[in-house]
C-alpha cells in the first residue's frame, strides 16, 4: 500500500475523533487513534486507499454518521 501525500478520504469517526469531541461544521485537528484505513467512500465495502499510522495528525473536515472526511499529508 502506498503513502498518500495530500488527500481527503473517508475514515471511521471512532478512529479519529477524540473522546468527548463532537463532529461539527468546523474542521478540527485530531490524531488517528489506531492505524487508520482511509477509503474511497463511507463504507467498509469501499476500497482502502491507504493506511495512516496511529498517532498521525489528520484534519477532520466533516462527518456523516459514523464516517468523517479526513485530510492527511
Protein backbone atom coordinates (compact mmCIF):
# COMPACT_ATOMS: atom_id res chain seq x y z
CA UNK A 1 0.00 0.00 0.00
CA UNK A 2 1.48 3.39 -0.92
CA UNK A 3 1.54 6.60 1.07
CA UNK A 4 -0.90 9.26 0.12
CA UNK A 5 0.76 12.68 0.06
CA UNK A 6 -2.06 15.24 0.40
CA UNK A 7 -5.52 13.84 0.20
CA UNK A 8 -9.02 13.74 1.59
CA UNK A 9 -10.84 10.48 2.11
CA UNK A 10 -13.31 8.76 4.44
CA UNK A 11 -12.42 7.23 7.81
CA UNK A 12 -14.44 5.79 10.69
CA UNK A 13 -15.25 8.57 13.17
CA UNK A 14 -14.37 6.45 16.20
CA UNK A 15 -10.80 6.18 14.91
CA UNK A 16 -10.24 9.94 14.53
CA UNK A 17 -12.47 11.81 16.97
CA UNK A 18 -11.05 12.01 20.47
CA UNK A 19 -13.38 11.01 23.30
CA UNK A 20 -15.57 13.95 24.22
CA UNK A 21 -15.04 15.78 20.93
CA UNK A 22 -18.04 16.24 18.72
CA UNK A 23 -18.25 16.44 14.99
CA UNK A 24 -19.10 19.97 13.91
CA UNK A 25 -19.25 22.09 10.82
CA UNK A 26 -15.78 23.44 11.67
CA UNK A 27 -12.66 21.49 10.65
CA UNK A 28 -10.72 20.12 13.61
CA UNK A 29 -7.24 18.68 14.04
CA UNK A 30 -7.29 15.19 15.54
CA UNK A 31 -4.92 12.23 15.88
CA UNK A 32 -5.51 8.76 14.47
CA UNK A 33 -6.34 6.55 17.46
CA UNK A 34 -5.06 3.46 15.63
CA UNK A 35 -3.73 2.63 12.19
CA UNK A 36 -6.40 4.32 10.11
CA UNK A 37 -7.63 2.88 6.81
CA UNK A 38 -8.80 5.69 4.58
CA UNK A 39 -11.38 4.74 1.99
CA UNK A 40 -12.93 5.96 -1.27
CA UNK A 41 -16.34 6.23 0.37
CA UNK A 42 -18.16 5.99 3.71
CA UNK A 43 -18.41 2.21 3.87
CA UNK A 44 -16.30 -0.77 4.90
CA UNK A 45 -17.09 -2.04 1.40
CA UNK A 46 -15.28 0.97 -0.18
CA UNK A 47 -11.74 0.43 -1.43
CA UNK A 48 -8.93 1.18 1.03
CA UNK A 49 -6.76 3.93 -0.45
CA UNK A 50 -4.03 3.94 2.17
CA UNK A 51 -3.32 3.48 5.88
CA UNK A 52 -2.45 6.40 8.16
CA UNK A 53 -0.20 5.35 11.08
CA UNK A 54 -1.59 5.55 14.62
CA UNK A 55 -0.86 8.89 16.27
CA UNK A 56 -0.66 10.81 12.98
CA UNK A 57 -2.33 14.21 12.78
CA UNK A 58 -5.33 14.49 10.46
CA UNK A 59 -7.72 17.31 9.67
CA UNK A 60 -11.36 16.26 10.06
CA UNK A 61 -13.35 18.41 7.64
CA UNK A 62 -16.83 16.90 8.01
CA UNK A 63 -18.66 13.89 9.43
CA UNK A 64 -21.75 11.97 8.38
CA UNK A 65 -23.00 9.28 10.74
CA UNK A 66 -20.07 7.05 11.69
CA UNK A 67 -17.80 8.40 8.93
CA UNK A 68 -15.61 11.50 8.65
CA UNK A 69 -13.79 13.07 5.74
CA UNK A 70 -10.15 13.49 6.76
CA UNK A 71 -7.19 15.21 5.14
CA UNK A 72 -3.72 13.87 5.77
CA UNK A 73 -0.34 14.92 4.48
